[in-house]
Amino acid sequence: MNQKFTEPFNRLKKYCEAEQFKGYDPYDGLTSSFFKWVPGLSSSRVMRLAWIQFFKRSPLNLRPLLGVKKDYNPKALGLFLSGYCNLYQQQALPEYLDKINFLIREIDQLKSKGWSGACWGYNFDWQARAFFQPKYTPTVVASTFIANALLDAYEITGAPELLTTARSTCDFVLKDLSRTYDSEGNFSFSYSPLDKSVVFNASLLGSRILARVYSFTKEKELIDEAKRSVQFCCNYQKQDGSWGYGTLPFHQWVDNFHTGYNLECIAEYMKFSNDNSFQTQVDKGFEYYINTFFTDEGIPKYYNNSVYPIDIHAPAQMVITLAKLGKFKQYQQIMDKVLNWTISEMQSEKGFFYYQVNKYFSSKISYIRWAQAWMFYALSTYIKFEHHEQNKNL
């Protein structure tokens, strides 16, 4: 393993385990006991949105003062699960298997109830510009990351109930999510059952889990629906290879890590389906991604047209994107440069990673889902893939 990343990862691992994988989230402001206590705040859409943005943007962590408690976030547990699966595949230690089984049990306890299949949401009410999501409302994002992690664990343990649960998540995707169709009959999946938004990365995450489960079950419906939903999103790719976040007027930005999501999901659809129909779109999108979002100094930009805010999600997703697209070795030099910058500028002495670096100030709050789980998954992926490359050269 690249020794310069061993110590930073071990410090992060020690921190996360000491916290028992619980923590704060950028969007957890509505769980504040103070916010719930003040009359009229929680019933106002504008106030909910403003309160969340205030918590999210503040460089000071006001959560302990205003009654927000650390908690399990289902998606974070899924990312940690994938991370420990990476570690176990690199070195089959009993302590890694213990963590895998622990996380599987906790994830099972946090399932959202009353839907067509296994699904998960966030552990807080959440107000976005486009919609409101009550606590544990299932989303395609949280549900598919978790189902993907369960399949990672299934490939290690062979426990049939893990595949059964992941297959059940496909029922949630197919039966509970809304669809937006184009004139050719292709469609996107909605973010959750409660909205009808078109968010490309969210829909593609739904496509990816259908394709991966298909690789085990060979159900034609799964791969047919996956392809139609991938086609819908590829039809919205711009001439330069980029995607906006979605189709709504206020979703037209182009950012780093959601572009990485898109590329990862389309590439994995092709891998699991043996259908290379979208290779041109992936190649075009990757050229845009790698040439747009990372500076010569190794700084991961947030937007295509702006460096700031520098968000921890971007370097984490870079590792995942390069690994999933089979470009780990080819682009390892620039990846190492980005990770070196990130560790130097965004990891605390306690081991956790900061949320964002801005031009004039930084948010050094420890967020379990947005920062720690993502960097745990990313660095464990780096360890796994570099170990694989070293073994190939023996």
Protein backbone atom coordinates (compact mmCIF):
# COMPACT_ATOMS: atom_id res chain seq x y z
CA MET A 1 0.00 0.00 0.00
CA ASN A 2 1.10 3.57 -0.63
CA GLN A 3 2.50 4.23 2.83
CA LYS A 4 1.78 7.96 2.79
CA PHE A 5 -1.96 7.18 2.85
CA THR A 6 -1.79 4.40 5.47
CA GLU A 7 -1.43 6.66 8.48
CA PRO A 8 -4.17 9.15 7.45
CA PHE A 9 -6.59 6.28 6.80
CA ASN A 10 -5.81 4.60 10.11
CA ARG A 11 -6.42 7.88 11.96
CA LEU A 12 -9.77 8.24 10.21
CA LYS A 13 -10.67 4.62 10.96
CA LYS A 14 -9.79 5.06 14.64
CA TYR A 15 -11.92 8.22 14.84
CA CYS A 16 -14.97 6.64 13.18
CA GLU A 17 -14.83 3.54 15.32
CA ALA A 18 -14.48 5.64 18.48
CA GLU A 19 -17.59 7.58 17.42
CA GLN A 20 -19.35 4.22 16.80
CA PHE A 21 -20.18 5.49 13.29
CA LYS A 22 -22.58 8.13 14.65
CA GLY A 23 -22.36 11.84 13.95
CA TYR A 24 -23.80 15.06 12.61
CA ASP A 25 -24.92 15.86 9.06
CA PRO A 26 -24.91 19.11 7.03
CA TYR A 27 -28.70 18.81 6.65
CA ASP A 28 -29.74 17.75 10.15
CA GLY A 29 -30.76 21.20 11.41
CA LEU A 30 -34.48 20.41 11.59
CA THR A 31 -33.83 17.89 14.38
CA SER A 32 -32.89 20.83 16.64
CA SER A 33 -34.99 20.80 19.82
CA PHE A 34 -34.80 24.61 19.81
CA PHE A 35 -36.19 24.81 16.26
CA LYS A 36 -39.08 22.52 17.19
CA TRP A 37 -39.78 24.54 20.36
CA VAL A 38 -40.13 27.98 18.70
CA PRO A 39 -43.76 28.39 17.50
CA GLY A 40 -44.28 28.61 13.76
CA LEU A 41 -40.78 27.71 12.60
CA SER A 42 -41.27 24.05 11.76
CA SER A 43 -44.53 24.67 9.86
CA SER A 44 -42.98 27.21 7.45
CA ARG A 45 -41.28 25.93 4.28
CA VAL A 46 -39.22 29.12 4.04
CA MET A 47 -38.06 28.88 7.65
CA ARG A 48 -37.21 25.18 7.31
CA LEU A 49 -35.10 25.89 4.24
CA ALA A 50 -33.43 28.92 5.83
CA TRP A 51 -32.69 27.03 9.05
CA ILE A 52 -31.07 24.12 7.21
CA GLN A 53 -28.98 26.47 5.08
CA PHE A 54 -27.92 28.39 8.20
CA PHE A 55 -26.72 25.17 9.86
CA LYS A 56 -25.10 23.92 6.66
CA ARG A 57 -23.19 27.14 5.90
CA SER A 58 -22.14 28.11 9.42
CA PRO A 59 -18.43 27.50 10.11
CA LEU A 60 -19.38 27.08 13.78
CA ASN A 61 -21.01 23.87 14.94
CA LEU A 62 -24.10 25.09 16.79
CA ARG A 63 -25.67 21.64 17.05
CA PRO A 64 -24.73 20.83 20.67
CA LEU A 65 -26.05 24.23 21.78
CA LEU A 66 -29.32 23.99 19.81
CA GLY A 67 -30.20 20.41 20.61
CA VAL A 68 -29.06 18.33 17.63
CA LYS A 69 -27.76 14.91 18.65
CA LYS A 70 -25.31 12.61 16.90
CA ASP A 71 -27.03 9.65 15.30
CA TYR A 72 -26.70 6.82 12.81
CA ASN A 73 -27.20 7.86 9.20
CA PRO A 74 -28.28 4.85 7.09
CA LYS A 75 -26.35 5.93 3.99
CA ALA A 76 -23.22 6.51 6.07
CA LEU A 77 -23.50 2.97 7.42
CA GLY A 78 -23.75 1.70 3.85
CA LEU A 79 -20.58 3.53 2.86
CA PHE A 80 -18.75 2.21 5.91
CA LEU A 81 -19.96 -1.28 5.03
CA SER A 82 -18.53 -1.00 1.51
CA GLY A 83 -15.32 0.32 3.05
CA TYR A 84 -14.89 -2.63 5.41
CA CYS A 85 -15.64 -4.99 2.53
CA ASN A 86 -12.77 -3.35 0.65
CA LEU A 87 -10.48 -3.89 3.62
CA TYR A 88 -11.56 -7.52 4.05
CA GLN A 89 -10.92 -8.25 0.38
CA GLN A 90 -7.41 -6.87 0.80
CA GLN A 91 -6.76 -8.69 4.10
CA ALA A 92 -9.30 -11.13 5.56
CA LEU A 93 -9.02 -10.11 9.21
CA PRO A 94 -11.70 -11.22 11.73
CA GLU A 95 -12.05 -7.63 13.01
CA TYR A 96 -13.14 -6.50 9.53
CA LEU A 97 -15.71 -9.29 9.31
CA ASP A 98 -17.02 -8.32 12.75
CA LYS A 99 -17.56 -4.76 11.54
CA ILE A 100 -19.24 -6.00 8.36
CA ASN A 101 -21.73 -8.06 10.37
CA PHE A 102 -22.32 -5.23 12.86
CA LEU A 103 -23.08 -2.74 10.09
CA ILE A 104 -25.42 -5.18 8.33
CA ARG A 105 -27.42 -5.56 11.55
CA GLU A 106 -27.68 -1.81 12.13
CA ILE A 107 -28.68 -1.17 8.51
CA ASP A 108 -31.44 -3.77 8.78
CA GLN A 109 -32.84 -2.01 11.86
CA LEU A 110 -33.06 1.31 10.00
CA LYS A 111 -35.18 0.20 7.02
CA SER A 112 -38.05 2.51 6.10
CA LYS A 113 -41.39 0.76 6.54
CA GLY A 114 -44.45 0.56 4.30
CA TRP A 115 -42.91 0.47 0.82
CA SER A 116 -42.75 -2.16 -1.92
CA GLY A 117 -39.19 -3.18 -1.16
CA ALA A 118 -36.23 -2.65 1.13
CA CYS A 119 -35.37 1.05 1.27
CA TRP A 120 -33.79 3.66 3.47
CA GLY A 121 -33.89 7.43 4.04
CA TYR A 122 -32.08 9.97 6.15
CA ASN A 123 -32.42 10.19 9.92
CA PHE A 124 -33.81 13.74 9.83
CA ASP A 125 -36.50 15.87 8.24
CA TRP A 126 -35.05 17.58 5.18
CA GLN A 127 -36.26 20.63 3.26
CA ALA A 128 -34.85 21.12 -0.25
CA ARG A 129 -35.85 23.81 -2.74
CA ALA A 130 -37.78 21.26 -4.78
CA PHE A 131 -39.41 19.17 -2.02
CA PHE A 132 -39.74 18.32 1.69
CA GLN A 133 -38.70 14.89 3.00
CA PRO A 134 -39.88 13.76 6.45
CA LYS A 135 -37.46 11.70 8.54
CA TYR A 136 -36.71 8.29 7.03
CA THR A 137 -38.55 9.03 3.77
CA PRO A 138 -36.74 6.59 1.48
CA THR A 139 -34.65 8.00 -1.35
CA VAL A 140 -33.15 6.28 -4.35
CA VAL A 141 -29.74 7.62 -3.30
CA ALA A 142 -29.64 6.23 0.24
CA SER A 143 -31.42 3.00 -0.72
CA THR A 144 -29.16 2.09 -3.62
CA PHE A 145 -25.89 2.91 -1.88
CA ILE A 146 -26.99 0.61 0.94
CA ALA A 147 -28.18 -2.15 -1.41
CA ASN A 148 -24.88 -1.88 -3.27
CA ALA A 149 -23.01 -2.27 0.04
CA LEU A 150 -25.10 -5.32 0.92
CA LEU A 151 -24.05 -6.85 -2.40
CA ASP A 152 -20.42 -6.08 -1.54
CA ALA A 153 -20.98 -8.03 1.67
CA TYR A 154 -22.81 -10.80 -0.18
CA GLU A 155 -19.77 -11.33 -2.40
CA ILE A 156 -17.70 -11.88 0.76
CA THR A 157 -20.06 -13.85 3.00
CA GLY A 158 -22.37 -15.57 0.51
CA ALA A 159 -25.27 -14.93 2.90
CA PRO A 160 -28.38 -15.32 0.66
CA GLU A 161 -30.48 -12.84 2.66
CA LEU A 162 -28.17 -10.02 1.52
CA LEU A 163 -28.92 -10.71 -2.14
CA THR A 164 -32.61 -11.05 -1.27
CA THR A 165 -32.61 -7.61 0.38
CA ALA A 166 -30.79 -6.00 -2.55
CA ARG A 167 -33.30 -7.58 -4.94
CA SER A 168 -36.08 -6.17 -2.76
CA THR A 169 -34.59 -2.70 -3.20
CA CYS A 170 -35.17 -3.12 -6.93
CA ASP A 171 -38.89 -3.45 -6.15
CA PHE A 172 -38.72 -0.11 -4.35
CA VAL A 173 -37.00 1.48 -7.35
CA LEU A 174 -39.40 0.00 -9.90
CA LYS A 175 -42.69 0.32 -8.01
CA ASP A 176 -42.44 3.28 -5.62
CA LEU A 177 -40.44 5.93 -7.45
CA SER A 178 -42.12 8.31 -9.89
CA ARG A 179 -41.00 8.39 -13.53
CA THR A 180 -40.52 11.17 -16.04
CA TYR A 181 -40.68 9.95 -19.65
CA ASP A 182 -39.23 11.35 -22.84
CA SER A 183 -40.78 11.06 -26.30
CA GLU A 184 -38.96 7.77 -26.95
CA GLY A 185 -40.27 5.99 -23.87
CA ASN A 186 -37.06 6.35 -21.87
CA PHE A 187 -37.43 7.67 -18.34
CA SER A 188 -35.77 8.91 -15.17
CA PHE A 189 -36.51 7.74 -11.64
CA SER A 190 -37.50 10.37 -9.09
CA TYR A 191 -35.40 11.16 -6.04
CA SER A 192 -38.02 9.74 -3.68
CA PRO A 193 -41.62 8.50 -3.80
CA LEU A 194 -42.77 11.96 -2.65
CA ASP A 195 -41.46 14.00 -5.58
CA LYS A 196 -41.31 13.99 -9.37
CA SER A 197 -37.96 15.69 -9.83
CA VAL A 198 -35.42 14.71 -12.49
CA VAL A 199 -31.97 14.49 -10.91
CA PHE A 200 -29.62 12.64 -13.22
CA ASN A 201 -27.23 11.14 -10.67
CA ALA A 202 -30.11 9.93 -8.50
CA SER A 203 -31.84 8.22 -11.41
CA LEU A 204 -28.59 6.62 -12.55
CA LEU A 205 -28.02 5.20 -9.08
CA GLY A 206 -31.36 3.45 -9.53
CA SER A 207 -30.20 2.18 -12.92
CA ARG A 208 -26.97 0.87 -11.45
CA ILE A 209 -28.58 -1.22 -8.70
CA LEU A 210 -30.99 -2.78 -11.21
CA ALA A 211 -28.05 -3.75 -13.41
CA ARG A 212 -25.96 -5.11 -10.56
CA VAL A 213 -28.79 -7.24 -9.20
CA TYR A 214 -29.44 -8.42 -12.77
CA SER A 215 -25.86 -9.71 -12.88
CA PHE A 216 -26.88 -12.18 -10.14
CA THR A 217 -30.52 -12.96 -10.99
CA LYS A 218 -30.59 -12.53 -14.80
CA GLU A 219 -34.11 -11.05 -14.70
CA LYS A 220 -34.72 -9.39 -18.05
CA GLU A 221 -37.06 -6.74 -16.61
CA LEU A 222 -34.28 -5.36 -14.42
CA ILE A 223 -31.81 -4.80 -17.24
CA ASP A 224 -34.46 -3.51 -19.67
CA GLU A 225 -35.60 -0.85 -17.19
CA ALA A 226 -32.01 -0.03 -16.32
CA LYS A 227 -31.12 0.60 -19.96
CA ARG A 228 -34.10 2.86 -20.61
CA SER A 229 -33.26 4.98 -17.57
CA VAL A 230 -29.58 5.21 -18.53
CA GLN A 231 -30.58 6.24 -22.05
CA PHE A 232 -32.79 9.03 -20.68
CA CYS A 233 -29.90 10.56 -18.73
CA CYS A 234 -27.40 10.14 -21.56
CA ASN A 235 -29.77 12.04 -23.84
CA TYR A 236 -29.28 15.05 -21.54
CA GLN A 237 -25.49 14.98 -21.74
CA LYS A 238 -24.19 18.26 -23.15
CA GLN A 239 -21.93 18.60 -26.17
CA ASP A 240 -18.88 19.16 -23.97
CA GLY A 241 -19.55 15.92 -22.06
CA SER A 242 -21.05 17.48 -18.93
CA TRP A 243 -24.42 17.14 -17.23
CA GLY A 244 -26.36 19.67 -15.23
CA TYR A 245 -27.58 18.42 -11.88
CA GLY A 246 -31.16 18.05 -13.13
CA THR A 247 -33.84 19.55 -15.36
CA LEU A 248 -35.36 22.21 -13.08
CA PRO A 249 -34.27 25.83 -13.73
CA PHE A 250 -32.38 25.98 -10.40
CA HIS A 251 -30.67 22.61 -11.06
CA GLN A 252 -28.50 23.77 -13.95
CA TRP A 253 -25.14 23.85 -12.22
CA VAL A 254 -22.36 21.41 -13.21
CA ASP A 255 -20.36 20.01 -10.30
CA ASN A 256 -17.55 17.62 -9.57
CA PHE A 257 -18.86 14.70 -7.56
CA HIS A 258 -22.29 14.37 -9.17
CA THR A 259 -20.52 14.14 -12.52
CA GLY A 260 -18.44 11.36 -10.98
CA TYR A 261 -21.63 9.60 -9.84
CA ASN A 262 -23.00 9.73 -13.38
CA LEU A 263 -19.88 8.26 -14.93
CA GLU A 264 -19.56 5.56 -12.28
CA CYS A 265 -23.16 4.42 -12.67
CA ILE A 266 -23.16 4.34 -16.48
CA ALA A 267 -19.85 2.44 -16.50
CA GLU A 268 -21.18 -0.08 -13.99
CA TYR A 269 -24.41 -0.51 -15.96
CA MET A 270 -22.25 -1.53 -18.93
CA LYS A 271 -20.11 -3.84 -16.80
CA PHE A 272 -23.06 -5.68 -15.25
CA SER A 273 -25.12 -5.85 -18.45
CA ASN A 274 -22.31 -6.55 -20.96
CA ASP A 275 -23.89 -3.76 -23.02
CA ASN A 276 -21.36 -1.17 -24.19
CA SER A 277 -23.93 1.08 -25.85
CA PHE A 278 -22.91 4.10 -23.76
CA GLN A 279 -19.12 3.92 -24.01
CA THR A 280 -18.97 7.08 -26.13
CA GLN A 281 -20.90 9.03 -23.49
CA VAL A 282 -18.64 7.74 -20.72
CA ASP A 283 -15.47 8.58 -22.65
CA LYS A 284 -16.73 12.06 -23.47
CA GLY A 285 -17.91 12.65 -19.91
CA PHE A 286 -14.68 11.43 -18.39
CA GLU A 287 -12.55 13.74 -20.54
CA TYR A 288 -14.66 16.64 -19.32
CA TYR A 289 -14.49 15.44 -15.72
CA ILE A 290 -10.74 14.87 -15.44
CA ASN A 291 -9.80 18.03 -17.36
CA THR A 292 -12.25 20.36 -15.61
CA PHE A 293 -12.50 19.60 -11.91
CA PHE A 294 -8.90 19.27 -10.67
CA THR A 295 -6.25 22.00 -10.68
CA ASP A 296 -2.56 21.52 -11.41
CA GLU A 297 -1.93 21.91 -7.67
CA GLY A 298 -4.21 18.98 -6.89
CA ILE A 299 -7.12 21.07 -5.63
CA PRO A 300 -10.53 19.44 -6.31
CA LYS A 301 -12.93 22.10 -7.60
CA TYR A 302 -16.61 22.01 -6.67
CA TYR A 303 -18.10 23.57 -9.81
CA ASN A 304 -16.92 23.60 -13.40
CA ASN A 305 -16.47 27.38 -13.23
CA SER A 306 -15.38 27.88 -9.61
CA VAL A 307 -12.86 26.35 -7.24
CA TYR A 308 -14.75 27.25 -4.07
CA PRO A 309 -16.19 25.81 -1.98
CA ILE A 310 -13.75 22.91 -1.95
CA ASP A 311 -15.90 20.03 -0.74
CA ILE A 312 -14.56 16.79 0.77
CA HIS A 313 -17.01 14.81 -1.35
CA ALA A 314 -15.07 15.70 -4.53
CA PRO A 315 -11.71 14.02 -3.76
CA ALA A 316 -13.53 11.03 -2.29
CA GLN A 317 -15.60 10.53 -5.44
CA MET A 318 -12.51 10.95 -7.63
CA VAL A 319 -11.02 7.76 -6.18
CA ILE A 320 -14.28 5.87 -6.67
CA THR A 321 -14.76 7.15 -10.22
CA LEU A 322 -11.24 6.23 -11.33
CA ALA A 323 -11.52 2.81 -9.73
CA LYS A 324 -14.93 1.99 -11.22
CA LEU A 325 -13.94 3.21 -14.70
CA GLY A 326 -10.78 1.10 -14.73
CA LYS A 327 -8.55 4.19 -14.78
CA PHE A 328 -6.93 3.86 -11.35
CA LYS A 329 -3.40 3.13 -12.55
CA GLN A 330 -3.52 5.49 -15.54
CA TYR A 331 -4.48 8.50 -13.42
CA GLN A 332 -2.86 7.51 -10.13
CA GLN A 333 -0.36 10.37 -10.26
CA ILE A 334 -3.02 13.09 -10.35
CA MET A 335 -5.14 11.14 -7.85
CA ASP A 336 -2.21 11.01 -5.43
CA LYS A 337 -1.71 14.75 -5.85
CA VAL A 338 -5.37 15.41 -5.04
CA LEU A 339 -5.31 13.08 -2.02
CA ASN A 340 -2.08 14.62 -0.73
CA TRP A 341 -3.64 18.09 -0.92
CA THR A 342 -6.83 16.86 0.74
CA ILE A 343 -5.03 15.16 3.62
CA SER A 344 -2.76 18.16 4.13
CA GLU A 345 -5.52 20.78 4.04
CA MET A 346 -8.69 18.96 5.14
CA GLN A 347 -7.79 16.30 7.73
CA SER A 348 -7.74 17.27 11.39
CA GLU A 349 -5.24 16.03 13.97
CA LYS A 350 -8.07 13.93 15.43
CA GLY A 351 -8.36 12.02 12.15
CA PHE A 352 -11.67 13.31 10.79
CA PHE A 353 -11.99 15.28 7.55
CA TYR A 354 -13.40 18.79 7.25
CA TYR A 355 -16.59 19.49 5.32
CA GLN A 356 -15.51 22.40 3.12
CA VAL A 357 -12.73 24.89 2.52
CA ASN A 358 -13.93 28.29 1.35
CA LYS A 359 -11.96 31.25 0.06
CA TYR A 360 -12.13 33.20 3.33
CA PHE A 361 -13.08 30.57 5.92
CA SER A 362 -13.44 26.83 6.33
CA SER A 363 -16.11 24.59 7.81
CA LYS A 364 -14.16 22.19 10.00
CA ILE A 365 -17.21 20.43 11.42
CA SER A 366 -17.07 16.63 11.40
CA TYR A 367 -19.98 15.23 9.36
CA ILE A 368 -20.28 11.46 9.53
CA ARG A 369 -22.07 10.86 6.21
CA TRP A 370 -20.82 13.68 4.02
CA ALA A 371 -17.15 13.56 5.02
CA GLN A 372 -16.04 10.63 7.18
CA ALA A 373 -18.00 7.81 5.52
CA TRP A 374 -17.08 9.04 2.05
CA MET A 375 -13.38 9.36 2.78
CA PHE A 376 -13.40 5.98 4.56
CA TYR A 377 -14.93 4.41 1.46
CA ALA A 378 -12.55 6.27 -0.85
CA LEU A 379 -9.32 5.52 1.01
CA SER A 380 -10.31 1.87 1.52
CA THR A 381 -10.97 1.69 -2.23
CA TYR A 382 -7.51 3.14 -2.85
CA ILE A 383 -5.97 0.51 -0.54
CA LYS A 384 -7.86 -2.30 -2.27
CA PHE A 385 -6.97 -1.22 -5.79
CA GLU A 386 -3.33 -0.49 -5.09
CA HIS A 387 -3.01 -3.89 -3.42
CA HIS A 388 -4.51 -5.41 -6.58
CA GLU A 389 -2.04 -3.52 -8.79
CA GLN A 390 0.89 -4.65 -6.65
CA ASN A 391 -0.21 -8.28 -6.82
CA LYS A 392 -0.44 -8.08 -10.62
CA ASN A 393 3.21 -7.07 -10.71
CA LEU A 394 4.47 -9.94 -8.52
